[in-house]
PDB file of N, CA and C in Angstrom:
ATOM      1  N   UNK A   1      10.406  -3.982 -17.609  1.00  0.00           N
ATOM      2  CA  UNK A   1      10.165  -4.879 -16.467  1.00  0.00           C
ATOM      3  C   UNK A   1       9.779  -4.049 -15.243  1.00  0.00           C
ATOM      4  N   UNK A   2       8.580  -4.304 -14.738  1.00  0.00           N
ATOM      5  CA  UNK A   2       8.145  -3.576 -13.542  1.00  0.00           C
ATOM      6  C   UNK A   2       8.731  -4.226 -12.293  1.00  0.00           C
ATOM      7  N   UNK A   3       8.745  -3.488 -11.231  1.00  0.00           N
ATOM      8  CA  UNK A   3       9.342  -3.960  -9.992  1.00  0.00           C
ATOM      9  C   UNK A   3       8.283  -4.671  -9.130  1.00  0.00           C
ATOM     10  N   UNK A   4       8.053  -5.944  -9.401  1.00  0.00           N
ATOM     11  CA  UNK A   4       7.055  -6.722  -8.650  1.00  0.00           C
ATOM     12  C   UNK A   4       7.716  -7.463  -7.493  1.00  0.00           C
ATOM     13  N   UNK A   5       6.985  -7.632  -6.395  1.00  0.00           N
ATOM     14  CA  UNK A   5       7.546  -8.458  -5.314  1.00  0.00           C
ATOM     15  C   UNK A   5       7.704  -9.894  -5.803  1.00  0.00           C
ATOM     16  N   UNK A   6       8.670 -10.590  -5.278  1.00  0.00           N
ATOM     17  CA  UNK A   6       8.886 -11.950  -5.779  1.00  0.00           C
ATOM     18  C   UNK A   6       7.798 -12.907  -5.286  1.00  0.00           C
ATOM     19  N   UNK A   7       7.762 -14.060  -5.919  1.00  0.00           N
ATOM     20  CA  UNK A   7       6.698 -15.024  -5.679  1.00  0.00           C
ATOM     21  C   UNK A   7       6.674 -15.509  -4.224  1.00  0.00           C
ATOM     22  N   UNK A   8       7.846 -15.620  -3.612  1.00  0.00           N
ATOM     23  CA  UNK A   8       7.933 -16.087  -2.220  1.00  0.00           C
ATOM     24  C   UNK A   8       7.169 -15.135  -1.283  1.00  0.00           C
ATOM     25  N   UNK A   9       7.370 -13.846  -1.460  1.00  0.00           N
ATOM     26  CA  UNK A   9       6.683 -12.850  -0.628  1.00  0.00           C
ATOM     27  C   UNK A   9       5.179 -12.906  -0.873  1.00  0.00           C
ATOM     28  N   UNK A  10       4.789 -13.015  -2.140  1.00  0.00           N
ATOM     29  CA  UNK A  10       3.360 -13.095  -2.455  1.00  0.00           C
ATOM     30  C   UNK A  10       2.727 -14.335  -1.816  1.00  0.00           C
ATOM     31  N   UNK A  11       3.430 -15.453  -1.869  1.00  0.00           N
ATOM     32  CA  UNK A  11       2.908 -16.682  -1.260  1.00  0.00           C
ATOM     33  C   UNK A  11       2.794 -16.567   0.256  1.00  0.00           C
ATOM     34  N   UNK A  12       3.772 -15.885   0.872  1.00  0.00           N
ATOM     35  CA  UNK A  12       3.705 -15.667   2.325  1.00  0.00           C
ATOM     36  C   UNK A  12       2.510 -14.790   2.686  1.00  0.00           C
ATOM     37  N   UNK A  13       2.294 -13.742   1.912  1.00  0.00           N
ATOM     38  CA  UNK A  13       1.137 -12.867   2.160  1.00  0.00           C
ATOM     39  C   UNK A  13      -0.173 -13.627   1.985  1.00  0.00           C
ATOM     40  N   UNK A  14      -0.224 -14.440   0.951  1.00  0.00           N
ATOM     41  CA  UNK A  14      -1.422 -15.251   0.703  1.00  0.00           C
ATOM     42  C   UNK A  14      -1.679 -16.202   1.868  1.00  0.00           C
ATOM     43  N   UNK A  15      -0.625 -16.837   2.349  1.00  0.00           N
ATOM     44  CA  UNK A  15      -0.740 -17.763   3.481  1.00  0.00           C
ATOM     45  C   UNK A  15      -1.217 -17.026   4.738  1.00  0.00           C
ATOM     46  N   UNK A  16      -0.655 -15.849   4.991  1.00  0.00           N
ATOM     47  CA  UNK A  16      -1.081 -15.051   6.155  1.00  0.00           C
ATOM     48  C   UNK A  16      -2.558 -14.678   6.034  1.00  0.00           C
ATOM     49  N   UNK A  17      -2.947 -14.263   4.843  1.00  0.00           N
ATOM     50  CA  UNK A  17      -4.341 -13.905   4.614  1.00  0.00           C
ATOM     51  C   UNK A  17      -5.254 -15.090   4.843  1.00  0.00           C
ATOM     52  N   UNK A  18      -4.843 -16.262   4.390  1.00  0.00           N
ATOM     53  CA  UNK A  18      -5.650 -17.473   4.568  1.00  0.00           C
ATOM     54  C   UNK A  18      -5.774 -17.821   6.052  1.00  0.00           C
ATOM     55  N   UNK A  19      -4.676 -17.692   6.785  1.00  0.00           N
ATOM     56  CA  UNK A  19      -4.709 -17.974   8.222  1.00  0.00           C
ATOM     57  C   UNK A  19      -5.641 -17.004   8.951  1.00  0.00           C
ATOM     58  N   UNK A  20      -5.590 -15.722   8.562  1.00  0.00           N
ATOM     59  CA  UNK A  20      -6.475 -14.726   9.179  1.00  0.00           C
ATOM     60  C   UNK A  20      -7.939 -15.038   8.862  1.00  0.00           C
ATOM     61  N   UNK A  21      -8.189 -15.419   7.600  1.00  0.00           N
ATOM     62  CA  UNK A  21      -9.551 -15.773   7.196  1.00  0.00           C
ATOM     63  C   UNK A  21     -10.046 -16.975   7.996  1.00  0.00           C
ATOM     64  N   UNK A  22      -9.200 -18.011   8.109  1.00  0.00           N
ATOM     65  CA  UNK A  22      -9.580 -19.219   8.850  1.00  0.00           C
ATOM     66  C   UNK A  22      -9.863 -18.904  10.317  1.00  0.00           C
ATOM     67  N   UNK A  23      -9.025 -18.059  10.919  1.00  0.00           N
ATOM     68  CA  UNK A  23      -9.208 -17.685  12.321  1.00  0.00           C
ATOM     69  C   UNK A  23     -10.519 -16.912  12.498  1.00  0.00           C
ATOM     70  N   UNK A  24     -10.801 -15.991  11.592  1.00  0.00           N
ATOM     71  CA  UNK A  24     -12.033 -15.204  11.677  1.00  0.00           C
ATOM     72  C   UNK A  24     -13.250 -16.107  11.492  1.00  0.00           C
ATOM     73  N   UNK A  25     -13.150 -17.060  10.583  1.00  0.00           N
ATOM     74  CA  UNK A  25     -14.257 -17.984  10.336  1.00  0.00           C
ATOM     75  C   UNK A  25     -14.518 -18.833  11.582  1.00  0.00           C
ATOM     76  N   UNK A  26     -13.440 -19.309  12.211  1.00  0.00           N
ATOM     77  CA  UNK A  26     -13.572 -20.126  13.425  1.00  0.00           C
ATOM     78  C   UNK A  26     -14.212 -19.300  14.553  1.00  0.00           C
ATOM     79  N   UNK A  27     -13.794 -18.043  14.688  1.00  0.00           N
ATOM     80  CA  UNK A  27     -14.383 -17.168  15.706  1.00  0.00           C
ATOM     81  C   UNK A  27     -15.873 -16.973  15.451  1.00  0.00           C
ATOM     82  N   UNK A  28     -16.221 -16.798  14.196  1.00  0.00           N
ATOM     83  CA  UNK A  28     -17.618 -16.613  13.820  1.00  0.00           C
ATOM     84  C   UNK A  28     -18.436 -17.861  14.156  1.00  0.00           C
ATOM     85  N   UNK A  29     -17.875 -19.025  13.839  1.00  0.00           N
ATOM     86  CA  UNK A  29     -18.568 -20.288  14.131  1.00  0.00           C
ATOM     87  C   UNK A  29     -18.722 -20.479  15.635  1.00  0.00           C
ATOM     88  N   UNK A  30     -17.675 -20.144  16.396  1.00  0.00           N
ATOM     89  CA  UNK A  30     -17.730 -20.264  17.855  1.00  0.00           C
ATOM     90  C   UNK A  30     -18.792 -19.333  18.425  1.00  0.00           C
ATOM     91  N   UNK A  31     -18.821 -18.101  17.922  1.00  0.00           N
ATOM     92  CA  UNK A  31     -19.807 -17.122  18.358  1.00  0.00           C
ATOM     93  C   UNK A  31     -21.222 -17.614  18.060  1.00  0.00           C
ATOM     94  N   UNK A  32     -21.424 -18.160  16.869  1.00  0.00           N
ATOM     95  CA  UNK A  32     -22.734 -18.684  16.483  1.00  0.00           C
ATOM     96  C   UNK A  32     -23.144 -19.843  17.388  1.00  0.00           C
ATOM     97  N   UNK A  33     -22.201 -20.724  17.699  1.00  0.00           N
ATOM     98  CA  UNK A  33     -22.486 -21.854  18.578  1.00  0.00           C
ATOM     99  C   UNK A  33     -22.881 -21.364  19.980  1.00  0.00           C
ATOM    100  N   UNK A  34     -22.187 -20.352  20.470  1.00  0.00           N
ATOM    101  CA  UNK A  34     -22.509 -19.789  21.790  1.00  0.00           C
ATOM    102  C   UNK A  34     -23.901 -19.164  21.768  1.00  0.00           C
ATOM    103  N   UNK A  35     -24.219 -18.453  20.696  1.00  0.00           N
ATOM    104  CA  UNK A  35     -25.545 -17.840  20.549  1.00  0.00           C
ATOM    105  C   UNK A  35     -26.635 -18.913  20.593  1.00  0.00           C
ATOM    106  N   UNK A  36     -26.401 -20.008  19.884  1.00  0.00           N
ATOM    107  CA  UNK A  36     -27.390 -21.094  19.859  1.00  0.00           C
ATOM    108  C   UNK A  36     -27.560 -21.706  21.256  1.00  0.00           C
ATOM    109  N   UNK A  37     -26.460 -21.880  21.998  1.00  0.00           N
ATOM    110  CA  UNK A  37     -26.539 -22.430  23.358  1.00  0.00           C
ATOM    111  C   UNK A  37     -27.343 -21.503  24.266  1.00  0.00           C
ATOM    112  N   UNK A  38     -27.102 -20.193  24.149  1.00  0.00           N
ATOM    113  CA  UNK A  38     -27.829 -19.217  24.971  1.00  0.00           C
ATOM    114  C   UNK A  38     -29.321 -19.245  24.633  1.00  0.00           C
ATOM    115  N   UNK A  39     -29.644 -19.286  23.334  1.00  0.00           N
ATOM    116  CA  UNK A  39     -31.049 -19.362  22.922  1.00  0.00           C
ATOM    117  C   UNK A  39     -31.709 -20.610  23.491  1.00  0.00           C
ATOM    118  N   UNK A  40     -30.986 -21.722  23.466  1.00  0.00           N
ATOM    119  CA  UNK A  40     -31.527 -22.982  23.983  1.00  0.00           C
ATOM    120  C   UNK A  40     -31.782 -22.862  25.487  1.00  0.00           C
ATOM    121  N   UNK A  41     -30.852 -22.263  26.213  1.00  0.00           N
ATOM    122  CA  UNK A  41     -31.038 -22.094  27.665  1.00  0.00           C
ATOM    123  C   UNK A  41     -32.260 -21.228  27.958  1.00  0.00           C
ATOM    124  N   UNK A  42     -32.446 -20.169  27.171  1.00  0.00           N
ATOM    125  CA  UNK A  42     -33.604 -19.293  27.362  1.00  0.00           C
ATOM    126  C   UNK A  42     -34.890 -20.077  27.106  1.00  0.00           C
ATOM    127  N   UNK A  43     -34.906 -20.855  26.016  1.00  0.00           N
ATOM    128  CA  UNK A  43     -36.084 -21.672  25.704  1.00  0.00           C
ATOM    129  C   UNK A  43     -36.349 -22.683  26.816  1.00  0.00           C
ATOM    130  N   UNK A  44     -35.285 -23.329  27.309  1.00  0.00           N
ATOM    131  CA  UNK A  44     -35.433 -24.308  28.394  1.00  0.00           C
ATOM    132  C   UNK A  44     -35.983 -23.645  29.658  1.00  0.00           C
ATOM    133  N   UNK A  45     -35.485 -22.447  29.952  1.00  0.00           N
ATOM    134  CA  UNK A  45     -35.957 -21.731  31.141  1.00  0.00           C
ATOM    135  C   UNK A  45     -37.420 -21.347  30.986  1.00  0.00           C
ATOM    136  N   UNK A  46     -37.816 -20.889  29.801  1.00  0.00           N
ATOM    137  CA  UNK A  46     -39.215 -20.558  29.544  1.00  0.00           C
ATOM    138  C   UNK A  46     -40.099 -21.790  29.681  1.00  0.00           C
ATOM    139  N   UNK A  47     -39.637 -22.912  29.153  1.00  0.00           N
ATOM    140  CA  UNK A  47     -40.397 -24.150  29.225  1.00  0.00           C
ATOM    141  C   UNK A  47     -40.536 -24.600  30.682  1.00  0.00           C
ATOM    142  N   UNK A  48     -39.467 -24.449  31.456  1.00  0.00           N
ATOM    143  CA  UNK A  48     -39.497 -24.846  32.872  1.00  0.00           C
ATOM    144  C   UNK A  48     -40.497 -23.952  33.630  1.00  0.00           C
ATOM    145  N   UNK A  49     -40.559 -22.688  33.290  1.00  0.00           N
ATOM    146  CA  UNK A  49     -41.497 -21.786  33.968  1.00  0.00           C
ATOM    147  C   UNK A  49     -42.926 -22.102  33.575  1.00  0.00           C
ATOM    148  N   UNK A  50     -43.135 -22.499  32.329  1.00  0.00           N
ATOM    149  CA  UNK A  50     -44.471 -22.826  31.846  1.00  0.00           C
ATOM    150  C   UNK A  50     -45.001 -24.070  32.552  1.00  0.00           C
ATOM    151  N   UNK A  51     -44.107 -24.962  32.928  1.00  0.00           N
ATOM    152  CA  UNK A  51     -44.513 -26.208  33.602  1.00  0.00           C
ATOM    153  C   UNK A  51     -44.991 -25.928  35.019  1.00  0.00           C
ATOM    154  N   UNK A  52     -44.405 -24.948  35.677  1.00  0.00           N
ATOM    155  CA  UNK A  52     -44.727 -24.643  37.077  1.00  0.00           C
ATOM    156  C   UNK A  52     -46.186 -24.265  37.275  1.00  0.00           C
TER     157      UNK A  52
END
């Protein structure tokens, strides 16, 4: 019999890993949304200058 960590500890580690993954994914999505907003503002500013 090898000395394995018990199932409770493994489940806690898995849960922590999932929470970290979810947080990183949310940060990535937020960053992408901000990038899209900035691109839109740049396009709007270019369009406004073209109208002048």
